[in-house]
Amino acid sequence: MPLATLISDIYEALTVSEVHAEAPPAEEQAEEAEEEEEEEPEDVFPALQEECAKTKECAPAKHHYDECVERVTAVEEAGETPKEDCVEEFFHLVHCTTQCAAPKLWAQLK
């Protein structure tokens, strides 16, 4: 019999067997359901950035960005490959609006 036991142990070790996960306790399932029900707070930062883009400090950057977008779009619509992109203008606009919106955002979060 020991030889048969040895062979069956080797067979079980070398073959793939099904693994069943344990079910989580009911309390954990209830906690997960509560977490799913919580609403995400609304992100006010994009609205603050849009508001700041209209201020006199950021208006020049917005104007340059809008002009660049118009130029690039016109070239693309003409079927040509644009020779410029608006990354630099976009960077300056985002920098300005972020500098303006950050203090307002922190004031709202306090």
PDB file of N, CA and C in Angstrom:
ATOM      1  N   MET A   1       0.798  -1.209   0.000  1.00  0.00           N
ATOM      2  CA  MET A   1       0.000   0.000   0.000  1.00  0.00           C
ATOM      3  C   MET A   1       0.840   1.274   0.000  1.00  0.00           C
ATOM      4  N   PRO A   2       1.991   1.319   0.637  1.00  0.00           N
ATOM      5  CA  PRO A   2       2.743   2.558   0.623  1.00  0.00           C
ATOM      6  C   PRO A   2       3.150   2.976  -0.787  1.00  0.00           C
ATOM      7  N   LEU A   3       3.392   2.028  -1.668  1.00  0.00           N
ATOM      8  CA  LEU A   3       3.742   2.370  -3.040  1.00  0.00           C
ATOM      9  C   LEU A   3       2.554   3.019  -3.748  1.00  0.00           C
ATOM     10  N   ALA A   4       1.365   2.531  -3.514  1.00  0.00           N
ATOM     11  CA  ALA A   4       0.156   3.100  -4.119  1.00  0.00           C
ATOM     12  C   ALA A   4      -0.085   4.509  -3.585  1.00  0.00           C
ATOM     13  N   THR A   5       0.165   4.734  -2.317  1.00  0.00           N
ATOM     14  CA  THR A   5       0.006   6.057  -1.719  1.00  0.00           C
ATOM     15  C   THR A   5       1.012   7.027  -2.319  1.00  0.00           C
ATOM     16  N   LEU A   6       2.240   6.567  -2.486  1.00  0.00           N
ATOM     17  CA  LEU A   6       3.279   7.400  -3.080  1.00  0.00           C
ATOM     18  C   LEU A   6       2.898   7.802  -4.507  1.00  0.00           C
ATOM     19  N   ILE A   7       2.427   6.876  -5.280  1.00  0.00           N
ATOM     20  CA  ILE A   7       2.038   7.158  -6.665  1.00  0.00           C
ATOM     21  C   ILE A   7       0.853   8.117  -6.706  1.00  0.00           C
ATOM     22  N   SER A   8      -0.126   7.925  -5.842  1.00  0.00           N
ATOM     23  CA  SER A   8      -1.290   8.826  -5.840  1.00  0.00           C
ATOM     24  C   SER A   8      -0.892  10.230  -5.383  1.00  0.00           C
ATOM     25  N   ASP A   9       0.037  10.331  -4.439  1.00  0.00           N
ATOM     26  CA  ASP A   9       0.517  11.649  -4.004  1.00  0.00           C
ATOM     27  C   ASP A   9       1.250  12.365  -5.137  1.00  0.00           C
ATOM     28  N   ILE A  10       2.086  11.636  -5.867  1.00  0.00           N
ATOM     29  CA  ILE A  10       2.804  12.225  -7.002  1.00  0.00           C
ATOM     30  C   ILE A  10       1.811  12.659  -8.076  1.00  0.00           C
ATOM     31  N   TYR A  11       0.817  11.831  -8.355  1.00  0.00           N
ATOM     32  CA  TYR A  11      -0.193  12.164  -9.359  1.00  0.00           C
ATOM     33  C   TYR A  11      -0.937  13.445  -8.973  1.00  0.00           C
ATOM     34  N   GLU A  12      -1.342  13.562  -7.718  1.00  0.00           N
ATOM     35  CA  GLU A  12      -2.059  14.752  -7.251  1.00  0.00           C
ATOM     36  C   GLU A  12      -1.174  15.991  -7.315  1.00  0.00           C
ATOM     37  N   ALA A  13       0.115  15.831  -7.046  1.00  0.00           N
ATOM     38  CA  ALA A  13       1.031  16.967  -7.072  1.00  0.00           C
ATOM     39  C   ALA A  13       1.282  17.461  -8.496  1.00  0.00           C
ATOM     40  N   LEU A  14       1.271  16.566  -9.455  1.00  0.00           N
ATOM     41  CA  LEU A  14       1.590  16.927 -10.830  1.00  0.00           C
ATOM     42  C   LEU A  14       0.376  17.321 -11.668  1.00  0.00           C
ATOM     43  N   THR A  15      -0.800  17.034 -11.228  1.00  0.00           N
ATOM     44  CA  THR A  15      -1.997  17.379 -12.003  1.00  0.00           C
ATOM     45  C   THR A  15      -2.586  18.685 -11.500  1.00  0.00           C
ATOM     46  N   VAL A  16      -3.351  19.319 -12.362  1.00  0.00           N
ATOM     47  CA  VAL A  16      -4.001  20.579 -12.019  1.00  0.00           C
ATOM     48  C   VAL A  16      -5.302  20.264 -11.301  1.00  0.00           C
ATOM     49  N   SER A  17      -5.480  20.898 -10.172  1.00  0.00           N
ATOM     50  CA  SER A  17      -6.712  20.683  -9.431  1.00  0.00           C
ATOM     51  C   SER A  17      -7.471  21.998  -9.318  1.00  0.00           C
ATOM     52  N   GLU A  18      -8.764  21.910  -9.183  1.00  0.00           N
ATOM     53  CA  GLU A  18      -9.598  23.110  -9.067  1.00  0.00           C
ATOM     54  C   GLU A  18      -9.403  23.757  -7.711  1.00  0.00           C
ATOM     55  N   VAL A  19      -9.359  25.066  -7.726  1.00  0.00           N
ATOM     56  CA  VAL A  19      -9.219  25.818  -6.493  1.00  0.00           C
ATOM     57  C   VAL A  19     -10.480  26.649  -6.328  1.00  0.00           C
ATOM     58  N   HIS A  20     -11.076  26.605  -5.164  1.00  0.00           N
ATOM     59  CA  HIS A  20     -12.290  27.354  -4.879  1.00  0.00           C
ATOM     60  C   HIS A  20     -11.971  28.444  -3.870  1.00  0.00           C
ATOM     61  N   ALA A  21     -12.342  29.658  -4.214  1.00  0.00           N
ATOM     62  CA  ALA A  21     -12.111  30.774  -3.301  1.00  0.00           C
ATOM     63  C   ALA A  21     -13.179  30.774  -2.228  1.00  0.00           C
ATOM     64  N   GLU A  22     -12.794  31.281  -1.080  1.00  0.00           N
ATOM     65  CA  GLU A  22     -13.761  31.395   0.001  1.00  0.00           C
ATOM     66  C   GLU A  22     -14.624  32.615  -0.236  1.00  0.00           C
ATOM     67  N   ALA A  23     -15.872  32.512   0.111  1.00  0.00           N
ATOM     68  CA  ALA A  23     -16.778  33.650  -0.026  1.00  0.00           C
ATOM     69  C   ALA A  23     -16.459  34.658   1.068  1.00  0.00           C
ATOM     70  N   PRO A  24     -16.446  35.959   0.735  1.00  0.00           N
ATOM     71  CA  PRO A  24     -16.178  36.956   1.776  1.00  0.00           C
ATOM     72  C   PRO A  24     -17.328  36.985   2.783  1.00  0.00           C
ATOM     73  N   PRO A  25     -17.017  37.322   4.008  1.00  0.00           N
ATOM     74  CA  PRO A  25     -18.075  37.409   5.015  1.00  0.00           C
ATOM     75  C   PRO A  25     -19.136  38.437   4.613  1.00  0.00           C
ATOM     76  N   ALA A  26     -20.322  38.277   5.140  1.00  0.00           N
ATOM     77  CA  ALA A  26     -21.446  39.147   4.794  1.00  0.00           C
ATOM     78  C   ALA A  26     -21.167  40.599   5.161  1.00  0.00           C
ATOM     79  N   GLU A  27     -20.404  40.844   6.237  1.00  0.00           N
ATOM     80  CA  GLU A  27     -20.099  42.214   6.652  1.00  0.00           C
ATOM     81  C   GLU A  27     -19.291  42.939   5.585  1.00  0.00           C
ATOM     82  N   GLU A  28     -18.320  42.260   4.994  1.00  0.00           N
ATOM     83  CA  GLU A  28     -17.504  42.881   3.956  1.00  0.00           C
ATOM     84  C   GLU A  28     -18.347  43.219   2.737  1.00  0.00           C
ATOM     85  N   GLN A  29     -19.294  42.356   2.397  1.00  0.00           N
ATOM     86  CA  GLN A  29     -20.169  42.630   1.263  1.00  0.00           C
ATOM     87  C   GLN A  29     -21.026  43.859   1.541  1.00  0.00           C
ATOM     88  N   ALA A  30     -21.481  44.020   2.772  1.00  0.00           N
ATOM     89  CA  ALA A  30     -22.290  45.182   3.127  1.00  0.00           C
ATOM     90  C   ALA A  30     -21.453  46.453   3.049  1.00  0.00           C
ATOM     91  N   GLU A  31     -20.191  46.403   3.501  1.00  0.00           N
ATOM     92  CA  GLU A  31     -19.310  47.569   3.432  1.00  0.00           C
ATOM     93  C   GLU A  31     -19.052  47.969   1.988  1.00  0.00           C
ATOM     94  N   GLU A  32     -18.824  46.987   1.122  1.00  0.00           N
ATOM     95  CA  GLU A  32     -18.582  47.287  -0.284  1.00  0.00           C
ATOM     96  C   GLU A  32     -19.805  47.942  -0.910  1.00  0.00           C
ATOM     97  N   ALA A  33     -20.993  47.500  -0.538  1.00  0.00           N
ATOM     98  CA  ALA A  33     -22.214  48.091  -1.077  1.00  0.00           C
ATOM     99  C   ALA A  33     -22.342  49.542  -0.626  1.00  0.00           C
ATOM    100  N   GLU A  34     -21.979  49.826   0.633  1.00  0.00           N
ATOM    101  CA  GLU A  34     -22.042  51.198   1.130  1.00  0.00           C
ATOM    102  C   GLU A  34     -21.038  52.084   0.409  1.00  0.00           C
ATOM    103  N   GLU A  35     -19.847  51.552   0.165  1.00  0.00           N
ATOM    104  CA  GLU A  35     -18.825  52.328  -0.530  1.00  0.00           C
ATOM    105  C   GLU A  35     -19.260  52.662  -1.950  1.00  0.00           C
ATOM    106  N   GLU A  36     -19.942  51.741  -2.612  1.00  0.00           N
ATOM    107  CA  GLU A  36     -20.400  51.981  -3.970  1.00  0.00           C
ATOM    108  C   GLU A  36     -21.482  53.054  -4.011  1.00  0.00           C
ATOM    109  N   GLU A  37     -22.264  53.176  -2.949  1.00  0.00           N
ATOM    110  CA  GLU A  37     -23.362  54.129  -2.925  1.00  0.00           C
ATOM    111  C   GLU A  37     -22.893  55.563  -2.702  1.00  0.00           C
ATOM    112  N   GLU A  38     -21.700  55.749  -2.146  1.00  0.00           N
ATOM    113  CA  GLU A  38     -21.208  57.092  -1.881  1.00  0.00           C
ATOM    114  C   GLU A  38     -20.985  57.830  -3.191  1.00  0.00           C
ATOM    115  N   GLU A  39     -21.457  59.061  -3.249  1.00  0.00           N
ATOM    116  CA  GLU A  39     -21.297  59.856  -4.455  1.00  0.00           C
ATOM    117  C   GLU A  39     -19.941  60.537  -4.459  1.00  0.00           C
ATOM    118  N   GLU A  40     -19.372  60.643  -5.637  1.00  0.00           N
ATOM    119  CA  GLU A  40     -18.112  61.354  -5.798  1.00  0.00           C
ATOM    120  C   GLU A  40     -18.397  62.848  -5.737  1.00  0.00           C
ATOM    121  N   PRO A  41     -17.581  63.598  -5.020  1.00  0.00           N
ATOM    122  CA  PRO A  41     -17.785  65.049  -5.012  1.00  0.00           C
ATOM    123  C   PRO A  41     -17.467  65.625  -6.387  1.00  0.00           C
ATOM    124  N   GLU A  42     -18.163  66.691  -6.734  1.00  0.00           N
ATOM    125  CA  GLU A  42     -17.963  67.316  -8.034  1.00  0.00           C
ATOM    126  C   GLU A  42     -16.629  68.056  -8.053  1.00  0.00           C
ATOM    127  N   ASP A  43     -15.900  67.911  -9.126  1.00  0.00           N
ATOM    128  CA  ASP A  43     -14.617  68.588  -9.283  1.00  0.00           C
ATOM    129  C   ASP A  43     -14.881  70.006  -9.775  1.00  0.00           C
ATOM    130  N   VAL A  44     -14.566  70.998  -8.955  1.00  0.00           N
ATOM    131  CA  VAL A  44     -14.827  72.392  -9.310  1.00  0.00           C
ATOM    132  C   VAL A  44     -13.644  73.038 -10.012  1.00  0.00           C
ATOM    133  N   PHE A  45     -12.505  72.356 -10.061  1.00  0.00           N
ATOM    134  CA  PHE A  45     -11.302  72.944 -10.650  1.00  0.00           C
ATOM    135  C   PHE A  45     -11.471  73.302 -12.129  1.00  0.00           C
ATOM    136  N   PRO A  46     -12.057  72.441 -12.973  1.00  0.00           N
ATOM    137  CA  PRO A  46     -12.238  72.838 -14.375  1.00  0.00           C
ATOM    138  C   PRO A  46     -13.108  74.087 -14.531  1.00  0.00           C
ATOM    139  N   ALA A  47     -14.134  74.216 -13.715  1.00  0.00           N
ATOM    140  CA  ALA A  47     -14.984  75.409 -13.783  1.00  0.00           C
ATOM    141  C   ALA A  47     -14.197  76.649 -13.364  1.00  0.00           C
ATOM    142  N   LEU A  48     -13.359  76.502 -12.341  1.00  0.00           N
ATOM    143  CA  LEU A  48     -12.530  77.628 -11.910  1.00  0.00           C
ATOM    144  C   LEU A  48     -11.527  78.013 -12.995  1.00  0.00           C
ATOM    145  N   GLN A  49     -10.981  77.025 -13.687  1.00  0.00           N
ATOM    146  CA  GLN A  49     -10.038  77.318 -14.767  1.00  0.00           C
ATOM    147  C   GLN A  49     -10.727  78.058 -15.913  1.00  0.00           C
ATOM    148  N   GLU A  50     -11.939  77.641 -16.269  1.00  0.00           N
ATOM    149  CA  GLU A  50     -12.679  78.336 -17.330  1.00  0.00           C
ATOM    150  C   GLU A  50     -12.968  79.775 -16.924  1.00  0.00           C
ATOM    151  N   GLU A  51     -13.338  79.951 -15.667  1.00  0.00           N
ATOM    152  CA  GLU A  51     -13.613  81.292 -15.155  1.00  0.00           C
ATOM    153  C   GLU A  51     -12.345  82.147 -15.211  1.00  0.00           C
ATOM    154  N   CYS A  52     -11.220  81.565 -14.840  1.00  0.00           N
ATOM    155  CA  CYS A  52      -9.956  82.302 -14.838  1.00  0.00           C
ATOM    156  C   CYS A  52      -9.476  82.618 -16.252  1.00  0.00           C
ATOM    157  N   ALA A  53      -9.828  81.794 -17.226  1.00  0.00           N
ATOM    158  CA  ALA A  53      -9.413  82.048 -18.610  1.00  0.00           C
ATOM    159  C   ALA A  53     -10.032  83.335 -19.138  1.00  0.00           C
ATOM    160  N   LYS A  54     -11.120  83.765 -18.524  1.00  0.00           N
ATOM    161  CA  LYS A  54     -11.810  84.984 -18.966  1.00  0.00           C
ATOM    162  C   LYS A  54     -11.307  86.239 -18.259  1.00  0.00           C
ATOM    163  N   THR A  55     -10.419  86.086 -17.290  1.00  0.00           N
ATOM    164  CA  THR A  55      -9.909  87.245 -16.560  1.00  0.00           C
ATOM    165  C   THR A  55      -8.910  88.007 -17.415  1.00  0.00           C
ATOM    166  N   LYS A  56      -8.634  89.249 -17.014  1.00  0.00           N
ATOM    167  CA  LYS A  56      -7.717  90.072 -17.811  1.00  0.00           C
ATOM    168  C   LYS A  56      -6.287  89.539 -17.769  1.00  0.00           C
ATOM    169  N   GLU A  57      -5.925  88.812 -16.705  1.00  0.00           N
ATOM    170  CA  GLU A  57      -4.576  88.262 -16.614  1.00  0.00           C
ATOM    171  C   GLU A  57      -4.362  87.137 -17.627  1.00  0.00           C
ATOM    172  N   CYS A  58      -5.382  86.332 -17.848  1.00  0.00           N
ATOM    173  CA  CYS A  58      -5.244  85.167 -18.728  1.00  0.00           C
ATOM    174  C   CYS A  58      -5.824  85.401 -20.124  1.00  0.00           C
ATOM    175  N   ALA A  59      -6.472  86.518 -20.339  1.00  0.00           N
ATOM    176  CA  ALA A  59      -7.082  86.787 -21.648  1.00  0.00           C
ATOM    177  C   ALA A  59      -6.061  86.780 -22.783  1.00  0.00           C
ATOM    178  N   PRO A  60      -4.868  87.373 -22.619  1.00  0.00           N
ATOM    179  CA  PRO A  60      -3.897  87.317 -23.723  1.00  0.00           C
ATOM    180  C   PRO A  60      -3.478  85.880 -24.072  1.00  0.00           C
ATOM    181  N   ALA A  61      -3.263  85.063 -23.074  1.00  0.00           N
ATOM    182  CA  ALA A  61      -2.872  83.671 -23.327  1.00  0.00           C
ATOM    183  C   ALA A  61      -3.993  82.916 -24.036  1.00  0.00           C
ATOM    184  N   LYS A  62      -5.232  83.158 -23.615  1.00  0.00           N
ATOM    185  CA  LYS A  62      -6.383  82.515 -24.266  1.00  0.00           C
ATOM    186  C   LYS A  62      -6.500  82.981 -25.709  1.00  0.00           C
ATOM    187  N   HIS A  63      -6.288  84.281 -25.946  1.00  0.00           N
ATOM    188  CA  HIS A  63      -6.375  84.845 -27.293  1.00  0.00           C
ATOM    189  C   HIS A  63      -5.321  84.210 -28.207  1.00  0.00           C
ATOM    190  N   HIS A  64      -4.085  84.091 -27.731  1.00  0.00           N
ATOM    191  CA  HIS A  64      -3.016  83.482 -28.530  1.00  0.00           C
ATOM    192  C   HIS A  64      -3.317  82.009 -28.818  1.00  0.00           C
ATOM    193  N   TYR A  65      -3.840  81.314 -27.830  1.00  0.00           N
ATOM    194  CA  TYR A  65      -4.178  79.904 -28.024  1.00  0.00           C
ATOM    195  C   TYR A  65      -5.295  79.754 -29.052  1.00  0.00           C
ATOM    196  N   ASP A  66      -6.345  80.559 -28.928  1.00  0.00           N
ATOM    197  CA  ASP A  66      -7.462  80.477 -29.873  1.00  0.00           C
ATOM    198  C   ASP A  66      -7.013  80.787 -31.298  1.00  0.00           C
ATOM    199  N   GLU A  67      -6.148  81.800 -31.458  1.00  0.00           N
ATOM    200  CA  GLU A  67      -5.637  82.130 -32.792  1.00  0.00           C
ATOM    201  C   GLU A  67      -4.822  80.972 -33.366  1.00  0.00           C
ATOM    202  N   CYS A  68      -4.011  80.357 -32.544  1.00  0.00           N
ATOM    203  CA  CYS A  68      -3.195  79.229 -32.991  1.00  0.00           C
ATOM    204  C   CYS A  68      -4.086  78.065 -33.429  1.00  0.00           C
ATOM    205  N   VAL A  69      -5.107  77.779 -32.647  1.00  0.00           N
ATOM    206  CA  VAL A  69      -6.023  76.691 -32.990  1.00  0.00           C
ATOM    207  C   VAL A  69      -6.705  76.982 -34.325  1.00  0.00           C
ATOM    208  N   GLU A  70      -7.111  78.227 -34.546  1.00  0.00           N
ATOM    209  CA  GLU A  70      -7.738  78.591 -35.820  1.00  0.00           C
ATOM    210  C   GLU A  70      -6.772  78.383 -36.985  1.00  0.00           C
ATOM    211  N   ARG A  71      -5.513  78.792 -36.831  1.00  0.00           N
ATOM    212  CA  ARG A  71      -4.520  78.620 -37.899  1.00  0.00           C
ATOM    213  C   ARG A  71      -4.294  77.146 -38.217  1.00  0.00           C
ATOM    214  N   VAL A  72      -4.092  76.350 -37.188  1.00  0.00           N
ATOM    215  CA  VAL A  72      -3.814  74.929 -37.387  1.00  0.00           C
ATOM    216  C   VAL A  72      -5.032  74.230 -37.988  1.00  0.00           C
ATOM    217  N   THR A  73      -6.216  74.562 -37.518  1.00  0.00           N
ATOM    218  CA  THR A  73      -7.435  73.956 -38.048  1.00  0.00           C
ATOM    219  C   THR A  73      -7.626  74.316 -39.514  1.00  0.00           C
ATOM    220  N   ALA A  74      -7.357  75.565 -39.873  1.00  0.00           N
ATOM    221  CA  ALA A  74      -7.502  75.993 -41.264  1.00  0.00           C
ATOM    222  C   ALA A  74      -6.536  75.232 -42.173  1.00  0.00           C
ATOM    223  N   VAL A  75      -5.314  75.026 -41.728  1.00  0.00           N
ATOM    224  CA  VAL A  75      -4.332  74.286 -42.525  1.00  0.00           C
ATOM    225  C   VAL A  75      -4.768  72.828 -42.684  1.00  0.00           C
ATOM    226  N   GLU A  76      -5.270  72.219 -41.602  1.00  0.00           N
ATOM    227  CA  GLU A  76      -5.724  70.827 -41.670  1.00  0.00           C
ATOM    228  C   GLU A  76      -6.920  70.679 -42.595  1.00  0.00           C
ATOM    229  N   GLU A  77      -7.854  71.638 -42.548  1.00  0.00           N
ATOM    230  CA  GLU A  77      -9.031  71.577 -43.407  1.00  0.00           C
ATOM    231  C   GLU A  77      -8.665  71.764 -44.871  1.00  0.00           C
ATOM    232  N   ALA A  78      -7.565  72.449 -45.134  1.00  0.00           N
ATOM    233  CA  ALA A  78      -7.102  72.642 -46.508  1.00  0.00           C
ATOM    234  C   ALA A  78      -6.424  71.380 -47.041  1.00  0.00           C
ATOM    235  N   GLY A  79      -6.279  70.379 -46.200  1.00  0.00           N
ATOM    236  CA  GLY A  79      -5.690  69.117 -46.621  1.00  0.00           C
ATOM    237  C   GLY A  79      -4.185  69.080 -46.511  1.00  0.00           C
ATOM    238  N   GLU A  80      -3.609  70.044 -45.861  1.00  0.00           N
ATOM    239  CA  GLU A  80      -2.162  70.091 -45.704  1.00  0.00           C
ATOM    240  C   GLU A  80      -1.779  69.650 -44.290  1.00  0.00           C
ATOM    241  N   THR A  81      -0.500  69.394 -44.136  1.00  0.00           N
ATOM    242  CA  THR A  81       0.020  69.042 -42.817  1.00  0.00           C
ATOM    243  C   THR A  81       0.445  70.323 -42.110  1.00  0.00           C
ATOM    244  N   PRO A  82      -0.086  70.567 -40.907  1.00  0.00           N
ATOM    245  CA  PRO A  82       0.293  71.796 -40.200  1.00  0.00           C
ATOM    246  C   PRO A  82       1.777  71.794 -39.837  1.00  0.00           C
ATOM    247  N   LYS A  83       2.381  72.969 -39.924  1.00  0.00           N
ATOM    248  CA  LYS A  83       3.804  73.104 -39.603  1.00  0.00           C
ATOM    249  C   LYS A  83       4.018  73.501 -38.152  1.00  0.00           C
ATOM    250  N   GLU A  84       2.928  73.745 -37.447  1.00  0.00           N
ATOM    251  CA  GLU A  84       3.034  74.125 -36.040  1.00  0.00           C
ATOM    252  C   GLU A  84       1.970  73.395 -35.241  1.00  0.00           C
ATOM    253  N   ASP A  85       2.172  73.359 -33.951  1.00  0.00           N
ATOM    254  CA  ASP A  85       1.136  72.888 -33.039  1.00  0.00           C
ATOM    255  C   ASP A  85       0.962  73.965 -31.977  1.00  0.00           C
ATOM    256  N   CYS A  86      -0.003  73.798 -31.151  1.00  0.00           N
ATOM    257  CA  CYS A  86      -0.328  74.850 -30.180  1.00  0.00           C
ATOM    258  C   CYS A  86       0.077  74.457 -28.766  1.00  0.00           C
ATOM    259  N   VAL A  87       1.092  73.637 -28.655  1.00  0.00           N
ATOM    260  CA  VAL A  87       1.514  73.153 -27.339  1.00  0.00           C
ATOM    261  C   VAL A  87       2.009  74.296 -26.464  1.00  0.00           C
ATOM    262  N   GLU A  88       2.828  75.158 -27.017  1.00  0.00           N
ATOM    263  CA  GLU A  88       3.381  76.258 -26.220  1.00  0.00           C
ATOM    264  C   GLU A  88       2.274  77.200 -25.756  1.00  0.00           C
ATOM    265  N   GLU A  89       1.365  77.535 -26.660  1.00  0.00           N
ATOM    266  CA  GLU A  89       0.258  78.423 -26.300  1.00  0.00           C
ATOM    267  C   GLU A  89      -0.636  77.769 -25.248  1.00  0.00           C
ATOM    268  N   PHE A  90      -0.878  76.458 -25.425  1.00  0.00           N
ATOM    269  CA  PHE A  90      -1.693  75.732 -24.458  1.00  0.00           C
ATOM    270  C   PHE A  90      -1.016  75.714 -23.092  1.00  0.00           C
ATOM    271  N   PHE A  91       0.297  75.499 -23.072  1.00  0.00           N
ATOM    272  CA  PHE A  91       1.048  75.485 -21.822  1.00  0.00           C
ATOM    273  C   PHE A  91       0.901  76.812 -21.088  1.00  0.00           C
ATOM    274  N   HIS A  92       1.052  77.924 -21.812  1.00  0.00           N
ATOM    275  CA  HIS A  92       0.941  79.237 -21.177  1.00  0.00           C
ATOM    276  C   HIS A  92      -0.473  79.489 -20.655  1.00  0.00           C
ATOM    277  N   LEU A  93      -1.475  79.051 -21.408  1.00  0.00           N
ATOM    278  CA  LEU A  93      -2.862  79.218 -20.967  1.00  0.00           C
ATOM    279  C   LEU A  93      -3.134  78.402 -19.706  1.00  0.00           C
ATOM    280  N   VAL A  94      -2.725  77.150 -19.704  1.00  0.00           N
ATOM    281  CA  VAL A  94      -2.961  76.294 -18.534  1.00  0.00           C
ATOM    282  C   VAL A  94      -2.189  76.805 -17.323  1.00  0.00           C
ATOM    283  N   HIS A  95      -0.973  77.273 -17.540  1.00  0.00           N
ATOM    284  CA  HIS A  95      -0.180  77.815 -16.437  1.00  0.00           C
ATOM    285  C   HIS A  95      -0.895  79.013 -15.808  1.00  0.00           C
ATOM    286  N   CYS A  96      -1.382  79.910 -16.645  1.00  0.00           N
ATOM    287  CA  CYS A  96      -2.062  81.103 -16.141  1.00  0.00           C
ATOM    288  C   CYS A  96      -3.350  80.737 -15.402  1.00  0.00           C
ATOM    289  N   THR A  97      -4.171  79.871 -16.012  1.00  0.00           N
ATOM    290  CA  THR A  97      -5.447  79.525 -15.375  1.00  0.00           C
ATOM    291  C   THR A  97      -5.234  78.737 -14.086  1.00  0.00           C
ATOM    292  N   THR A  98      -4.201  77.914 -14.041  1.00  0.00           N
ATOM    293  CA  THR A  98      -3.921  77.157 -12.820  1.00  0.00           C
ATOM    294  C   THR A  98      -3.456  78.084 -11.707  1.00  0.00           C
ATOM    295  N   GLN A  99      -2.600  79.046 -12.042  1.00  0.00           N
ATOM    296  CA  GLN A  99      -2.133  80.014 -11.049  1.00  0.00           C
ATOM    297  C   GLN A  99      -3.305  80.821 -10.493  1.00  0.00           C
ATOM    298  N   CYS A 100      -4.264  81.115 -11.333  1.00  0.00           N
ATOM    299  CA  CYS A 100      -5.431  81.893 -10.902  1.00  0.00           C
ATOM    300  C   CYS A 100      -6.398  81.036 -10.084  1.00  0.00           C
ATOM    301  N   ALA A 101      -6.627  79.790 -10.529  1.00  0.00           N
ATOM    302  CA  ALA A 101      -7.658  78.953  -9.916  1.00  0.00           C
ATOM    303  C   ALA A 101      -7.207  78.271  -8.627  1.00  0.00           C
ATOM    304  N   ALA A 102      -5.927  78.029  -8.462  1.00  0.00           N
ATOM    305  CA  ALA A 102      -5.447  77.280  -7.295  1.00  0.00           C
ATOM    306  C   ALA A 102      -5.828  77.922  -5.961  1.00  0.00           C
ATOM    307  N   PRO A 103      -5.607  79.233  -5.763  1.00  0.00           N
ATOM    308  CA  PRO A 103      -6.001  79.812  -4.470  1.00  0.00           C
ATOM    309  C   PRO A 103      -7.510  79.730  -4.217  1.00  0.00           C
ATOM    310  N   LYS A 104      -8.292  79.891  -5.279  1.00  0.00           N
ATOM    311  CA  LYS A 104      -9.750  79.796  -5.129  1.00  0.00           C
ATOM    312  C   LYS A 104     -10.158  78.377  -4.752  1.00  0.00           C
ATOM    313  N   LEU A 105      -9.506  77.400  -5.354  1.00  0.00           N
ATOM    314  CA  LEU A 105      -9.812  76.004  -5.048  1.00  0.00           C
ATOM    315  C   LEU A 105      -9.462  75.683  -3.601  1.00  0.00           C
ATOM    316  N   TRP A 106      -8.287  76.100  -3.138  1.00  0.00           N
ATOM    317  CA  TRP A 106      -7.890  75.833  -1.757  1.00  0.00           C
ATOM    318  C   TRP A 106      -8.827  76.521  -0.773  1.00  0.00           C
ATOM    319  N   ALA A 107      -9.309  77.703  -1.132  1.00  0.00           N
ATOM    320  CA  ALA A 107     -10.251  78.398  -0.250  1.00  0.00           C
ATOM    321  C   ALA A 107     -11.556  77.611  -0.130  1.00  0.00           C
ATOM    322  N   GLN A 108     -11.996  76.994  -1.218  1.00  0.00           N
ATOM    323  CA  GLN A 108     -13.231  76.207  -1.180  1.00  0.00           C
ATOM    324  C   GLN A 108     -13.047  74.893  -0.433  1.00  0.00           C
ATOM    325  N   LEU A 109     -11.851  74.343  -0.479  1.00  0.00           N
ATOM    326  CA  LEU A 109     -11.614  73.057   0.166  1.00  0.00           C
ATOM    327  C   LEU A 109     -11.458  73.168   1.676  1.00  0.00           C
ATOM    328  N   LYS A 110     -11.141  74.356   2.172  1.00  0.00           N
ATOM    329  CA  LYS A 110     -10.951  74.524   3.620  1.00  0.00           C
ATOM    330  C   LYS A 110     -12.237  74.473   4.362  1.00  0.00           C
TER     331      LYS A 110
END
